[in-house]
Amino acid sequence: MKKLLLLAVILLGGLTMATAKSWDKVFTKSDNVSVKKVHFNNRYGIKLAGDLYMPKNIKKGDKLAAIAVSGPFGAVKEQSSGLYAQTMAERGFIALAFDPSYTGESSGKPRNVASPDINTEDFSAAVDYLTTLPNVDEDKIGIIGICGFGGWALNAAAMDTRIKATVVSTMYDMTRVAAKGYNDSIDENARYEMLKALNAQRTKDYKNGTYAGADGLPEKLTGQEPQFVKDYFNYYKTPRGFHPRSINSNGKWNTTSSLGLINQPALQRSGEIRNAVLVIHGEKAHSRYFGEDAFKKLKGTNKELLIIPGASHVDLYDNMAKIPFDKIENFFKTNLK
């Protein structure tokens, strides 16, 4: 009997461990939220993978506001976007964190490709999916874009009038930084030389039948890197935020993806967004100018810029003491009604 009890304990322990291992996120699971894997197609026929977070106390017949979340650029839904989605579900929203096309668990080949058009479309595809859920009020849908997907979120909000409220957190304009470098340090001549190199790589890729990867974060720090590179490393390359499916943790972007980013500037219609927008950035973020300049283009009394004192760019990925979730909750409750 004792041997049978011991065996039962071992088996139960194994089941508990297996359940714990099934949680594939870099943040702690909430006891108040249910989560399940979902899939949906964008209008290019690419199947996107998402994690749908719902409050556990939801009842049949309830119609809740919903939020689609993605980013940062090169991250996966098991990282920052999942944390945002779970937190919003804890606060009474249905929230969908999704992997963009060509990355993570979403489909699309070749892998690790970025596209201004397709990544903007990914947000609208997430809205498509949310409108089909029985517990979602399709007139109360918002989006959250983090880092590079802050820029795509604004792009989507300018195109998709179903998006009633948009939050962008620690945003990048990926097309601007690709074409002009940090702080617009690349001029026309330097950009031409960059384009020559990228197109030479395109020729090599076609002849080789492969796609070369761009340089990413170093595997080890020398101590001489800019502070923002150290901050990225301390998120993506350490247990704090490492995920094997994340390009920034464990992969490389397709080098020639930069061609599309350089040639198709985003945010061309952001000044025409009529629905509410909240732009959040860190006071000490190297990327702060992206958010401030994007905010300058927005019009109307339902737009707001919030600078978080003392926060760096990466603080707004996962620092629960600095991400202003109370403000984000109130913003959505005010504008999704």
C-alpha atoms as a PDB file:
ATOM      1  CA  MET A   1       0.000   0.000   0.000  1.00  0.00           C
ATOM      2  CA  LYS A   2       2.805   2.413   0.902  1.00  0.00           C
ATOM      3  CA  LYS A   3       4.488   1.663  -2.424  1.00  0.00           C
ATOM      4  CA  LEU A   4       1.242   2.357  -4.272  1.00  0.00           C
ATOM      5  CA  LEU A   5       0.782   5.653  -2.420  1.00  0.00           C
ATOM      6  CA  LEU A   6       4.366   6.624  -3.205  1.00  0.00           C
ATOM      7  CA  LEU A   7       3.817   5.771  -6.871  1.00  0.00           C
ATOM      8  CA  ALA A   8       0.636   7.860  -6.890  1.00  0.00           C
ATOM      9  CA  VAL A   9       2.489  10.822  -5.374  1.00  0.00           C
ATOM     10  CA  ILE A  10       5.241  10.496  -7.967  1.00  0.00           C
ATOM     11  CA  LEU A  11       2.708  10.323 -10.797  1.00  0.00           C
ATOM     12  CA  LEU A  12       0.749  13.286  -9.476  1.00  0.00           C
ATOM     13  CA  GLY A  13       3.971  15.186  -9.068  1.00  0.00           C
ATOM     14  CA  GLY A  14       4.833  14.386 -12.670  1.00  0.00           C
ATOM     15  CA  LEU A  15       1.439  15.618 -13.812  1.00  0.00           C
ATOM     16  CA  THR A  16       1.905  18.842 -11.871  1.00  0.00           C
ATOM     17  CA  MET A  17       5.312  19.363 -13.440  1.00  0.00           C
ATOM     18  CA  ALA A  18       3.923  18.656 -16.893  1.00  0.00           C
ATOM     19  CA  THR A  19       1.183  21.229 -16.352  1.00  0.00           C
ATOM     20  CA  ALA A  20       3.706  23.800 -15.171  1.00  0.00           C
ATOM     21  CA  LYS A  21       5.884  23.137 -18.221  1.00  0.00           C
ATOM     22  CA  SER A  22       2.896  23.672 -20.522  1.00  0.00           C
ATOM     23  CA  TRP A  23       2.936  27.349 -19.582  1.00  0.00           C
ATOM     24  CA  ASP A  24       5.254  28.687 -22.294  1.00  0.00           C
ATOM     25  CA  LYS A  25       5.227  32.395 -21.363  1.00  0.00           C
ATOM     26  CA  VAL A  26       8.033  34.412 -19.772  1.00  0.00           C
ATOM     27  CA  PHE A  27       5.644  35.923 -17.191  1.00  0.00           C
ATOM     28  CA  THR A  28       3.664  34.364 -14.332  1.00  0.00           C
ATOM     29  CA  LYS A  29       0.273  32.888 -15.110  1.00  0.00           C
ATOM     30  CA  SER A  30      -2.727  34.670 -13.578  1.00  0.00           C
ATOM     31  CA  ASP A  31      -5.220  32.638 -11.562  1.00  0.00           C
ATOM     32  CA  ASN A  32      -8.031  34.957 -12.646  1.00  0.00           C
ATOM     33  CA  VAL A  33      -7.659  34.540 -16.397  1.00  0.00           C
ATOM     34  CA  SER A  34      -8.142  31.654 -18.819  1.00  0.00           C
ATOM     35  CA  VAL A  35      -5.981  31.418 -21.938  1.00  0.00           C
ATOM     36  CA  LYS A  36      -6.166  29.298 -25.066  1.00  0.00           C
ATOM     37  CA  LYS A  37      -4.359  29.065 -28.385  1.00  0.00           C
ATOM     38  CA  VAL A  38      -6.315  30.372 -31.376  1.00  0.00           C
ATOM     39  CA  HIS A  39      -5.700  30.788 -35.102  1.00  0.00           C
ATOM     40  CA  PHE A  40      -7.100  33.160 -37.723  1.00  0.00           C
ATOM     41  CA  ASN A  41      -6.215  34.249 -41.251  1.00  0.00           C
ATOM     42  CA  ASN A  42      -5.290  37.666 -42.536  1.00  0.00           C
ATOM     43  CA  ARG A  43      -6.414  38.817 -45.982  1.00  0.00           C
ATOM     44  CA  TYR A  44      -3.158  37.577 -47.513  1.00  0.00           C
ATOM     45  CA  GLY A  45      -4.074  34.042 -46.493  1.00  0.00           C
ATOM     46  CA  ILE A  46      -1.435  33.841 -43.756  1.00  0.00           C
ATOM     47  CA  LYS A  47      -2.583  31.932 -40.676  1.00  0.00           C
ATOM     48  CA  LEU A  48      -1.807  33.869 -37.510  1.00  0.00           C
ATOM     49  CA  ALA A  49      -1.406  32.288 -34.081  1.00  0.00           C
ATOM     50  CA  GLY A  50      -2.658  33.981 -30.947  1.00  0.00           C
ATOM     51  CA  ASP A  51      -3.265  33.493 -27.253  1.00  0.00           C
ATOM     52  CA  LEU A  52      -6.765  34.534 -26.229  1.00  0.00           C
ATOM     53  CA  TYR A  53      -7.027  35.746 -22.627  1.00  0.00           C
ATOM     54  CA  MET A  54     -10.454  35.944 -20.983  1.00  0.00           C
ATOM     55  CA  PRO A  55     -11.594  36.782 -17.446  1.00  0.00           C
ATOM     56  CA  LYS A  56     -12.552  33.556 -15.657  1.00  0.00           C
ATOM     57  CA  ASN A  57     -15.714  35.145 -14.273  1.00  0.00           C
ATOM     58  CA  ILE A  58     -17.142  35.785 -17.746  1.00  0.00           C
ATOM     59  CA  LYS A  59     -20.702  34.522 -18.161  1.00  0.00           C
ATOM     60  CA  LYS A  60     -22.619  33.248 -21.145  1.00  0.00           C
ATOM     61  CA  GLY A  61     -24.267  36.195 -22.805  1.00  0.00           C
ATOM     62  CA  ASP A  62     -21.739  38.748 -21.510  1.00  0.00           C
ATOM     63  CA  LYS A  63     -20.549  41.202 -24.151  1.00  0.00           C
ATOM     64  CA  LEU A  64     -17.147  42.635 -23.270  1.00  0.00           C
ATOM     65  CA  ALA A  65     -14.802  45.124 -24.844  1.00  0.00           C
ATOM     66  CA  ALA A  66     -11.853  43.442 -26.572  1.00  0.00           C
ATOM     67  CA  ILE A  67      -8.229  44.373 -27.273  1.00  0.00           C
ATOM     68  CA  ALA A  68      -5.709  42.982 -29.785  1.00  0.00           C
ATOM     69  CA  VAL A  69      -2.063  43.241 -28.734  1.00  0.00           C
ATOM     70  CA  SER A  70       1.218  42.724 -30.566  1.00  0.00           C
ATOM     71  CA  GLY A  71       4.891  43.622 -30.318  1.00  0.00           C
ATOM     72  CA  PRO A  72       7.633  44.355 -29.680  1.00  0.00           C
ATOM     73  CA  PHE A  73       9.271  44.093 -33.094  1.00  0.00           C
ATOM     74  CA  GLY A  74      11.012  40.712 -33.186  1.00  0.00           C
ATOM     75  CA  ALA A  75       9.211  39.421 -30.091  1.00  0.00           C
ATOM     76  CA  VAL A  76       6.522  36.752 -29.694  1.00  0.00           C
ATOM     77  CA  LYS A  77       3.173  36.632 -27.930  1.00  0.00           C
ATOM     78  CA  GLU A  78       4.710  34.727 -25.014  1.00  0.00           C
ATOM     79  CA  GLN A  79       6.702  37.844 -24.098  1.00  0.00           C
ATOM     80  CA  SER A  80       5.568  41.434 -23.583  1.00  0.00           C
ATOM     81  CA  SER A  81       2.342  41.352 -25.618  1.00  0.00           C
ATOM     82  CA  GLY A  82       1.102  38.357 -23.636  1.00  0.00           C
ATOM     83  CA  LEU A  83       1.812  40.161 -20.382  1.00  0.00           C
ATOM     84  CA  TYR A  84      -0.199  43.175 -21.564  1.00  0.00           C
ATOM     85  CA  ALA A  85      -3.040  40.935 -22.779  1.00  0.00           C
ATOM     86  CA  GLN A  86      -3.220  38.916 -19.561  1.00  0.00           C
ATOM     87  CA  THR A  87      -3.202  42.070 -17.464  1.00  0.00           C
ATOM     88  CA  MET A  88      -6.021  43.608 -19.485  1.00  0.00           C
ATOM     89  CA  ALA A  89      -8.023  40.378 -19.134  1.00  0.00           C
ATOM     90  CA  GLU A  90      -7.543  40.590 -15.378  1.00  0.00           C
ATOM     91  CA  ARG A  91      -9.149  44.030 -15.651  1.00  0.00           C
ATOM     92  CA  GLY A  92     -12.249  42.811 -17.448  1.00  0.00           C
ATOM     93  CA  PHE A  93     -11.366  42.828 -21.143  1.00  0.00           C
ATOM     94  CA  ILE A  94     -11.072  40.016 -23.647  1.00  0.00           C
ATOM     95  CA  ALA A  95      -7.524  40.315 -24.967  1.00  0.00           C
ATOM     96  CA  LEU A  96      -5.745  38.658 -27.877  1.00  0.00           C
ATOM     97  CA  ALA A  97      -1.942  38.588 -28.066  1.00  0.00           C
ATOM     98  CA  PHE A  98      -0.785  37.414 -31.498  1.00  0.00           C
ATOM     99  CA  ASP A  99       2.369  36.595 -33.419  1.00  0.00           C
ATOM    100  CA  PRO A 100       2.759  38.687 -36.586  1.00  0.00           C
ATOM    101  CA  SER A 101       3.024  37.058 -40.002  1.00  0.00           C
ATOM    102  CA  TYR A 102       6.223  35.116 -40.699  1.00  0.00           C
ATOM    103  CA  THR A 103       7.209  34.983 -37.020  1.00  0.00           C
ATOM    104  CA  GLY A 104       6.632  32.899 -33.904  1.00  0.00           C
ATOM    105  CA  GLU A 105       3.859  30.322 -34.308  1.00  0.00           C
ATOM    106  CA  SER A 106       2.220  32.221 -37.169  1.00  0.00           C
ATOM    107  CA  SER A 107       2.668  30.952 -40.718  1.00  0.00           C
ATOM    108  CA  GLY A 108       4.242  32.569 -43.754  1.00  0.00           C
ATOM    109  CA  LYS A 109       7.416  31.810 -45.690  1.00  0.00           C
ATOM    110  CA  PRO A 110      10.200  32.735 -45.809  1.00  0.00           C
ATOM    111  CA  ARG A 111      10.490  33.102 -42.058  1.00  0.00           C
ATOM    112  CA  ASN A 112      11.451  36.214 -40.115  1.00  0.00           C
ATOM    113  CA  VAL A 113      10.210  38.740 -42.669  1.00  0.00           C
ATOM    114  CA  ALA A 114       8.839  42.198 -41.823  1.00  0.00           C
ATOM    115  CA  SER A 115       6.440  44.156 -44.034  1.00  0.00           C
ATOM    116  CA  PRO A 116       4.782  47.539 -43.415  1.00  0.00           C
ATOM    117  CA  ASP A 117       1.662  46.447 -45.280  1.00  0.00           C
ATOM    118  CA  ILE A 118       1.328  42.915 -43.923  1.00  0.00           C
ATOM    119  CA  ASN A 119       2.171  43.809 -40.312  1.00  0.00           C
ATOM    120  CA  THR A 120      -0.437  46.581 -40.413  1.00  0.00           C
ATOM    121  CA  GLU A 121      -2.917  44.093 -41.879  1.00  0.00           C
ATOM    122  CA  ASP A 122      -2.157  41.668 -39.029  1.00  0.00           C
ATOM    123  CA  PHE A 123      -3.830  44.054 -36.581  1.00  0.00           C
ATOM    124  CA  SER A 124      -6.939  44.275 -38.741  1.00  0.00           C
ATOM    125  CA  ALA A 125      -7.003  40.483 -39.049  1.00  0.00           C
ATOM    126  CA  ALA A 126      -6.964  40.273 -35.256  1.00  0.00           C
ATOM    127  CA  VAL A 127      -9.946  42.638 -35.201  1.00  0.00           C
ATOM    128  CA  ASP A 128     -11.685  40.400 -37.779  1.00  0.00           C
ATOM    129  CA  TYR A 129     -11.236  37.444 -35.441  1.00  0.00           C
ATOM    130  CA  LEU A 130     -12.414  39.276 -32.335  1.00  0.00           C
ATOM    131  CA  THR A 131     -15.666  40.294 -34.051  1.00  0.00           C
ATOM    132  CA  THR A 132     -16.588  36.596 -34.387  1.00  0.00           C
ATOM    133  CA  LEU A 133     -16.386  35.795 -30.669  1.00  0.00           C
ATOM    134  CA  PRO A 134     -19.756  35.480 -28.899  1.00  0.00           C
ATOM    135  CA  ASN A 135     -18.584  37.340 -25.787  1.00  0.00           C
ATOM    136  CA  VAL A 136     -17.114  40.306 -27.701  1.00  0.00           C
ATOM    137  CA  ASP A 137     -19.005  43.511 -28.395  1.00  0.00           C
ATOM    138  CA  GLU A 138     -17.759  44.198 -31.926  1.00  0.00           C
ATOM    139  CA  ASP A 139     -18.368  47.923 -31.482  1.00  0.00           C
ATOM    140  CA  LYS A 140     -15.905  47.974 -28.565  1.00  0.00           C
ATOM    141  CA  ILE A 141     -12.583  46.838 -29.970  1.00  0.00           C
ATOM    142  CA  GLY A 142      -9.219  48.480 -29.354  1.00  0.00           C
ATOM    143  CA  ILE A 143      -5.581  47.629 -29.993  1.00  0.00           C
ATOM    144  CA  ILE A 144      -2.244  47.913 -28.174  1.00  0.00           C
ATOM    145  CA  GLY A 145       1.018  48.117 -30.125  1.00  0.00           C
ATOM    146  CA  ILE A 146       4.331  47.772 -28.302  1.00  0.00           C
ATOM    147  CA  CYS A 147       7.690  49.018 -29.606  1.00  0.00           C
ATOM    148  CA  GLY A 148       7.798  48.575 -33.402  1.00  0.00           C
ATOM    149  CA  PHE A 149       4.207  47.400 -33.391  1.00  0.00           C
ATOM    150  CA  GLY A 150       3.251  50.750 -31.920  1.00  0.00           C
ATOM    151  CA  GLY A 151       3.948  52.191 -35.346  1.00  0.00           C
ATOM    152  CA  TRP A 152       1.962  49.451 -37.078  1.00  0.00           C
ATOM    153  CA  ALA A 153      -0.872  49.980 -34.581  1.00  0.00           C
ATOM    154  CA  LEU A 154      -1.140  53.655 -35.520  1.00  0.00           C
ATOM    155  CA  ASN A 155      -1.000  52.658 -39.178  1.00  0.00           C
ATOM    156  CA  ALA A 156      -3.851  50.219 -38.600  1.00  0.00           C
ATOM    157  CA  ALA A 157      -5.896  52.780 -36.664  1.00  0.00           C
ATOM    158  CA  ALA A 158      -5.558  55.184 -39.603  1.00  0.00           C
ATOM    159  CA  MET A 159      -6.922  52.501 -41.966  1.00  0.00           C
ATOM    160  CA  ASP A 160      -9.400  50.495 -39.888  1.00  0.00           C
ATOM    161  CA  THR A 161     -12.302  52.508 -38.492  1.00  0.00           C
ATOM    162  CA  ARG A 162     -13.471  49.501 -36.453  1.00  0.00           C
ATOM    163  CA  ILE A 163     -10.575  50.196 -34.078  1.00  0.00           C
ATOM    164  CA  LYS A 164     -12.226  52.510 -31.562  1.00  0.00           C
ATOM    165  CA  ALA A 165      -9.202  53.155 -29.327  1.00  0.00           C
ATOM    166  CA  THR A 166      -5.451  52.638 -29.718  1.00  0.00           C
ATOM    167  CA  VAL A 167      -2.629  52.511 -27.186  1.00  0.00           C
ATOM    168  CA  VAL A 168       0.973  52.612 -28.355  1.00  0.00           C
ATOM    169  CA  SER A 169       3.609  51.854 -25.741  1.00  0.00           C
ATOM    170  CA  THR A 170       7.342  52.636 -26.079  1.00  0.00           C
ATOM    171  CA  MET A 171       6.793  52.900 -29.839  1.00  0.00           C
ATOM    172  CA  TYR A 172       9.220  52.802 -32.733  1.00  0.00           C
ATOM    173  CA  ASP A 173       8.500  53.931 -36.264  1.00  0.00           C
ATOM    174  CA  MET A 174      10.323  51.034 -37.934  1.00  0.00           C
ATOM    175  CA  THR A 175      10.195  52.627 -41.373  1.00  0.00           C
ATOM    176  CA  ARG A 176      11.803  55.810 -40.095  1.00  0.00           C
ATOM    177  CA  VAL A 177      14.623  54.116 -38.219  1.00  0.00           C
ATOM    178  CA  ALA A 178      15.293  51.775 -41.161  1.00  0.00           C
ATOM    179  CA  ALA A 179      15.501  54.638 -43.656  1.00  0.00           C
ATOM    180  CA  LYS A 180      17.141  57.303 -41.504  1.00  0.00           C
ATOM    181  CA  GLY A 181      18.854  55.526 -38.633  1.00  0.00           C
ATOM    182  CA  TYR A 182      18.588  56.541 -34.994  1.00  0.00           C
ATOM    183  CA  ASN A 183      17.909  60.241 -34.523  1.00  0.00           C
ATOM    184  CA  ASP A 184      17.698  60.610 -38.322  1.00  0.00           C
ATOM    185  CA  SER A 185      21.477  60.286 -38.635  1.00  0.00           C
ATOM    186  CA  ILE A 186      21.474  58.735 -42.151  1.00  0.00           C
ATOM    187  CA  ASP A 187      21.301  61.161 -45.090  1.00  0.00           C
ATOM    188  CA  GLU A 188      20.312  60.488 -48.695  1.00  0.00           C
ATOM    189  CA  ASN A 189      23.820  59.503 -49.805  1.00  0.00           C
ATOM    190  CA  ALA A 190      24.300  57.085 -46.907  1.00  0.00           C
ATOM    191  CA  ARG A 191      20.854  55.633 -47.589  1.00  0.00           C
ATOM    192  CA  TYR A 192      21.797  55.067 -51.246  1.00  0.00           C
ATOM    193  CA  GLU A 193      24.889  53.132 -50.199  1.00  0.00           C
ATOM    194  CA  MET A 194      22.764  51.111 -47.783  1.00  0.00           C
ATOM    195  CA  LEU A 195      20.309  50.305 -50.593  1.00  0.00           C
ATOM    196  CA  LYS A 196      23.163  49.202 -52.858  1.00  0.00           C
ATOM    197  CA  ALA A 197      24.379  46.790 -50.187  1.00  0.00           C
ATOM    198  CA  LEU A 198      20.883  45.431 -49.544  1.00  0.00           C
ATOM    199  CA  ASN A 199      20.208  44.865 -53.230  1.00  0.00           C
ATOM    200  CA  ALA A 200      23.577  43.152 -53.661  1.00  0.00           C
ATOM    201  CA  GLN A 201      22.494  40.860 -50.831  1.00  0.00           C
ATOM    202  CA  ARG A 202      19.210  40.265 -52.619  1.00  0.00           C
ATOM    203  CA  THR A 203      21.141  39.043 -55.668  1.00  0.00           C
ATOM    204  CA  LYS A 204      23.188  36.679 -53.492  1.00  0.00           C
ATOM    205  CA  ASP A 205      20.073  35.399 -51.756  1.00  0.00           C
ATOM    206  CA  TYR A 206      18.373  34.568 -55.032  1.00  0.00           C
ATOM    207  CA  LYS A 207      21.413  32.785 -56.430  1.00  0.00           C
ATOM    208  CA  ASN A 208      21.915  30.864 -53.177  1.00  0.00           C
ATOM    209  CA  GLY A 209      18.252  30.024 -52.720  1.00  0.00           C
ATOM    210  CA  THR A 210      18.423  31.214 -49.098  1.00  0.00           C
ATOM    211  CA  TYR A 211      17.860  34.411 -47.140  1.00  0.00           C
ATOM    212  CA  ALA A 212      20.732  35.866 -45.163  1.00  0.00           C
ATOM    213  CA  GLY A 213      19.984  36.998 -41.635  1.00  0.00           C
ATOM    214  CA  ALA A 214      20.659  40.484 -40.333  1.00  0.00           C
ATOM    215  CA  ASP A 215      22.867  41.054 -37.333  1.00  0.00           C
ATOM    216  CA  GLY A 216      20.914  40.991 -34.088  1.00  0.00           C
ATOM    217  CA  LEU A 217      21.808  41.262 -30.436  1.00  0.00           C
ATOM    218  CA  PRO A 218      25.251  39.963 -29.433  1.00  0.00           C
ATOM    219  CA  GLU A 219      25.505  36.656 -27.629  1.00  0.00           C
ATOM    220  CA  LYS A 220      27.629  38.330 -24.960  1.00  0.00           C
ATOM    221  CA  LEU A 221      28.068  41.929 -23.887  1.00  0.00           C
ATOM    222  CA  THR A 222      31.485  43.566 -23.969  1.00  0.00           C
ATOM    223  CA  GLY A 223      30.375  46.482 -21.795  1.00  0.00           C
ATOM    224  CA  GLN A 224      31.024  48.950 -24.610  1.00  0.00           C
ATOM    225  CA  GLU A 225      27.523  48.763 -26.088  1.00  0.00           C
ATOM    226  CA  PRO A 226      25.055  51.681 -25.910  1.00  0.00           C
ATOM    227  CA  GLN A 227      22.789  51.477 -22.873  1.00  0.00           C
ATOM    228  CA  PHE A 228      19.726  50.634 -24.956  1.00  0.00           C
ATOM    229  CA  VAL A 229      21.511  47.591 -26.433  1.00  0.00           C
ATOM    230  CA  LYS A 230      22.367  46.464 -22.894  1.00  0.00           C
ATOM    231  CA  ASP A 231      18.703  46.938 -21.960  1.00  0.00           C
ATOM    232  CA  TYR A 232      17.552  44.830 -24.923  1.00  0.00           C
ATOM    233  CA  PHE A 233      20.096  42.135 -24.057  1.00  0.00           C
ATOM    234  CA  ASN A 234      18.933  42.046 -20.438  1.00  0.00           C
ATOM    235  CA  TYR A 235      15.401  41.354 -21.613  1.00  0.00           C
ATOM    236  CA  TYR A 236      15.753  39.096 -24.643  1.00  0.00           C
ATOM    237  CA  LYS A 237      18.936  37.186 -23.801  1.00  0.00           C
ATOM    238  CA  THR A 238      18.337  36.441 -20.113  1.00  0.00           C
ATOM    239  CA  PRO A 239      15.696  34.363 -18.284  1.00  0.00           C
ATOM    240  CA  ARG A 240      13.764  37.593 -17.737  1.00  0.00           C
ATOM    241  CA  GLY A 241      12.452  37.566 -21.305  1.00  0.00           C
ATOM    242  CA  PHE A 242      14.213  34.911 -23.390  1.00  0.00           C
ATOM    243  CA  HIS A 243      11.935  32.815 -25.567  1.00  0.00           C
ATOM    244  CA  PRO A 244      13.183  30.306 -28.154  1.00  0.00           C
ATOM    245  CA  ARG A 245      10.679  31.446 -30.804  1.00  0.00           C
ATOM    246  CA  SER A 246      11.559  35.127 -30.445  1.00  0.00           C
ATOM    247  CA  ILE A 247      13.747  36.516 -33.232  1.00  0.00           C
ATOM    248  CA  ASN A 248      15.400  38.911 -30.785  1.00  0.00           C
ATOM    249  CA  SER A 249      16.173  36.071 -28.386  1.00  0.00           C
ATOM    250  CA  ASN A 250      17.055  33.280 -30.750  1.00  0.00           C
ATOM    251  CA  GLY A 251      17.083  34.289 -34.410  1.00  0.00           C
ATOM    252  CA  LYS A 252      17.737  36.871 -37.100  1.00  0.00           C
ATOM    253  CA  TRP A 253      15.515  38.999 -39.276  1.00  0.00           C
ATOM    254  CA  ASN A 254      15.724  38.409 -43.011  1.00  0.00           C
ATOM    255  CA  THR A 255      18.263  41.111 -44.047  1.00  0.00           C
ATOM    256  CA  THR A 256      16.391  42.250 -47.145  1.00  0.00           C
ATOM    257  CA  SER A 257      13.253  42.970 -45.088  1.00  0.00           C
ATOM    258  CA  SER A 258      14.817  46.401 -44.627  1.00  0.00           C
ATOM    259  CA  LEU A 259      14.122  47.260 -48.279  1.00  0.00           C
ATOM    260  CA  GLY A 260      10.373  47.400 -47.703  1.00  0.00           C
ATOM    261  CA  LEU A 261      10.779  49.342 -44.478  1.00  0.00           C
ATOM    262  CA  ILE A 262      13.013  51.923 -46.155  1.00  0.00           C
ATOM    263  CA  ASN A 263      10.765  52.416 -49.165  1.00  0.00           C
ATOM    264  CA  GLN A 264       7.292  52.480 -47.568  1.00  0.00           C
ATOM    265  CA  PRO A 265       7.112  55.051 -44.772  1.00  0.00           C
ATOM    266  CA  ALA A 266       4.381  54.389 -42.230  1.00  0.00           C
ATOM    267  CA  LEU A 267       2.123  56.894 -40.443  1.00  0.00           C
ATOM    268  CA  GLN A 268       1.278  58.807 -43.628  1.00  0.00           C
ATOM    269  CA  ARG A 269      -2.398  59.003 -42.611  1.00  0.00           C
ATOM    270  CA  SER A 270      -2.021  59.025 -38.836  1.00  0.00           C
ATOM    271  CA  GLY A 271      -3.153  62.645 -38.696  1.00  0.00           C
ATOM    272  CA  GLU A 272      -6.547  61.455 -39.960  1.00  0.00           C
ATOM    273  CA  ILE A 273      -7.217  59.036 -37.073  1.00  0.00           C
ATOM    274  CA  ARG A 274     -10.520  60.136 -35.545  1.00  0.00           C
ATOM    275  CA  ASN A 275     -10.778  57.578 -32.759  1.00  0.00           C
ATOM    276  CA  ALA A 276      -8.929  57.870 -29.453  1.00  0.00           C
ATOM    277  CA  VAL A 277      -5.164  57.343 -29.159  1.00  0.00           C
ATOM    278  CA  LEU A 278      -2.914  57.138 -26.089  1.00  0.00           C
ATOM    279  CA  VAL A 279       0.842  57.360 -26.720  1.00  0.00           C
ATOM    280  CA  ILE A 280       2.984  56.120 -23.811  1.00  0.00           C
ATOM    281  CA  HIS A 281       6.731  56.510 -23.632  1.00  0.00           C
ATOM    282  CA  GLY A 282       9.523  56.404 -21.093  1.00  0.00           C
ATOM    283  CA  GLU A 283      11.242  59.599 -20.013  1.00  0.00           C
ATOM    284  CA  LYS A 284      14.673  57.999 -20.476  1.00  0.00           C
ATOM    285  CA  ALA A 285      13.872  55.910 -23.549  1.00  0.00           C
ATOM    286  CA  HIS A 286      16.270  56.277 -26.489  1.00  0.00           C
ATOM    287  CA  SER A 287      13.175  55.915 -28.681  1.00  0.00           C
ATOM    288  CA  ARG A 288      11.139  58.644 -27.021  1.00  0.00           C
ATOM    289  CA  TYR A 289      11.309  60.919 -30.059  1.00  0.00           C
ATOM    290  CA  PHE A 290       9.342  58.393 -32.139  1.00  0.00           C
ATOM    291  CA  GLY A 291       6.375  58.630 -29.787  1.00  0.00           C
ATOM    292  CA  GLU A 292       6.553  62.391 -29.368  1.00  0.00           C
ATOM    293  CA  ASP A 293       6.813  63.015 -33.108  1.00  0.00           C
ATOM    294  CA  ALA A 294       3.980  60.583 -33.841  1.00  0.00           C
ATOM    295  CA  PHE A 295       1.823  62.355 -31.265  1.00  0.00           C
ATOM    296  CA  LYS A 296       2.447  65.737 -32.937  1.00  0.00           C
ATOM    297  CA  LYS A 297       0.718  64.451 -36.070  1.00  0.00           C
ATOM    298  CA  LEU A 298      -2.424  63.357 -34.225  1.00  0.00           C
ATOM    299  CA  LYS A 299      -5.432  65.676 -34.176  1.00  0.00           C
ATOM    300  CA  GLY A 300      -8.447  66.081 -31.941  1.00  0.00           C
ATOM    301  CA  THR A 301      -9.140  66.269 -28.245  1.00  0.00           C
ATOM    302  CA  ASN A 302      -9.204  62.481 -27.779  1.00  0.00           C
ATOM    303  CA  LYS A 303      -5.413  62.067 -28.202  1.00  0.00           C
ATOM    304  CA  GLU A 304      -3.000  61.964 -25.263  1.00  0.00           C
ATOM    305  CA  LEU A 305       0.747  61.662 -24.700  1.00  0.00           C
ATOM    306  CA  LEU A 306       1.934  60.143 -21.415  1.00  0.00           C
ATOM    307  CA  ILE A 307       5.629  60.217 -20.484  1.00  0.00           C
ATOM    308  CA  ILE A 308       6.576  57.826 -17.665  1.00  0.00           C
ATOM    309  CA  PRO A 309       9.145  59.399 -15.299  1.00  0.00           C
ATOM    310  CA  GLY A 310      12.415  57.509 -15.078  1.00  0.00           C
ATOM    311  CA  ALA A 311      11.354  54.755 -17.493  1.00  0.00           C
ATOM    312  CA  SER A 312      13.604  53.374 -20.215  1.00  0.00           C
ATOM    313  CA  HIS A 313      12.377  51.836 -23.458  1.00  0.00           C
ATOM    314  CA  VAL A 314      12.524  48.258 -22.163  1.00  0.00           C
ATOM    315  CA  ASP A 315      10.965  49.139 -18.778  1.00  0.00           C
ATOM    316  CA  LEU A 316       7.643  49.326 -20.608  1.00  0.00           C
ATOM    317  CA  TYR A 317       8.006  45.723 -21.807  1.00  0.00           C
ATOM    318  CA  ASP A 318       7.515  44.107 -18.413  1.00  0.00           C
ATOM    319  CA  ASN A 319       8.127  46.441 -15.468  1.00  0.00           C
ATOM    320  CA  MET A 320       4.767  46.299 -13.712  1.00  0.00           C
ATOM    321  CA  ALA A 321       5.721  49.237 -11.503  1.00  0.00           C
ATOM    322  CA  LYS A 322       6.206  51.467 -14.552  1.00  0.00           C
ATOM    323  CA  ILE A 323       3.693  50.269 -17.146  1.00  0.00           C
ATOM    324  CA  PRO A 324       0.659  52.502 -16.433  1.00  0.00           C
ATOM    325  CA  PHE A 325      -2.004  49.801 -16.530  1.00  0.00           C
ATOM    326  CA  ASP A 326      -4.462  51.870 -14.460  1.00  0.00           C
ATOM    327  CA  LYS A 327      -4.253  54.592 -17.088  1.00  0.00           C
ATOM    328  CA  ILE A 328      -4.548  52.102 -19.951  1.00  0.00           C
ATOM    329  CA  GLU A 329      -7.601  50.495 -18.329  1.00  0.00           C
ATOM    330  CA  ASN A 330      -9.314  53.848 -17.799  1.00  0.00           C
ATOM    331  CA  PHE A 331      -8.482  54.930 -21.348  1.00  0.00           C
ATOM    332  CA  PHE A 332     -10.144  51.870 -22.856  1.00  0.00           C
ATOM    333  CA  LYS A 333     -13.127  51.994 -20.513  1.00  0.00           C
ATOM    334  CA  THR A 334     -13.664  55.622 -21.451  1.00  0.00           C
ATOM    335  CA  ASN A 335     -13.337  55.107 -25.199  1.00  0.00           C
ATOM    336  CA  LEU A 336     -14.776  51.635 -25.733  1.00  0.00           C
ATOM    337  CA  LYS A 337     -18.346  52.387 -24.829  1.00  0.00           C
END
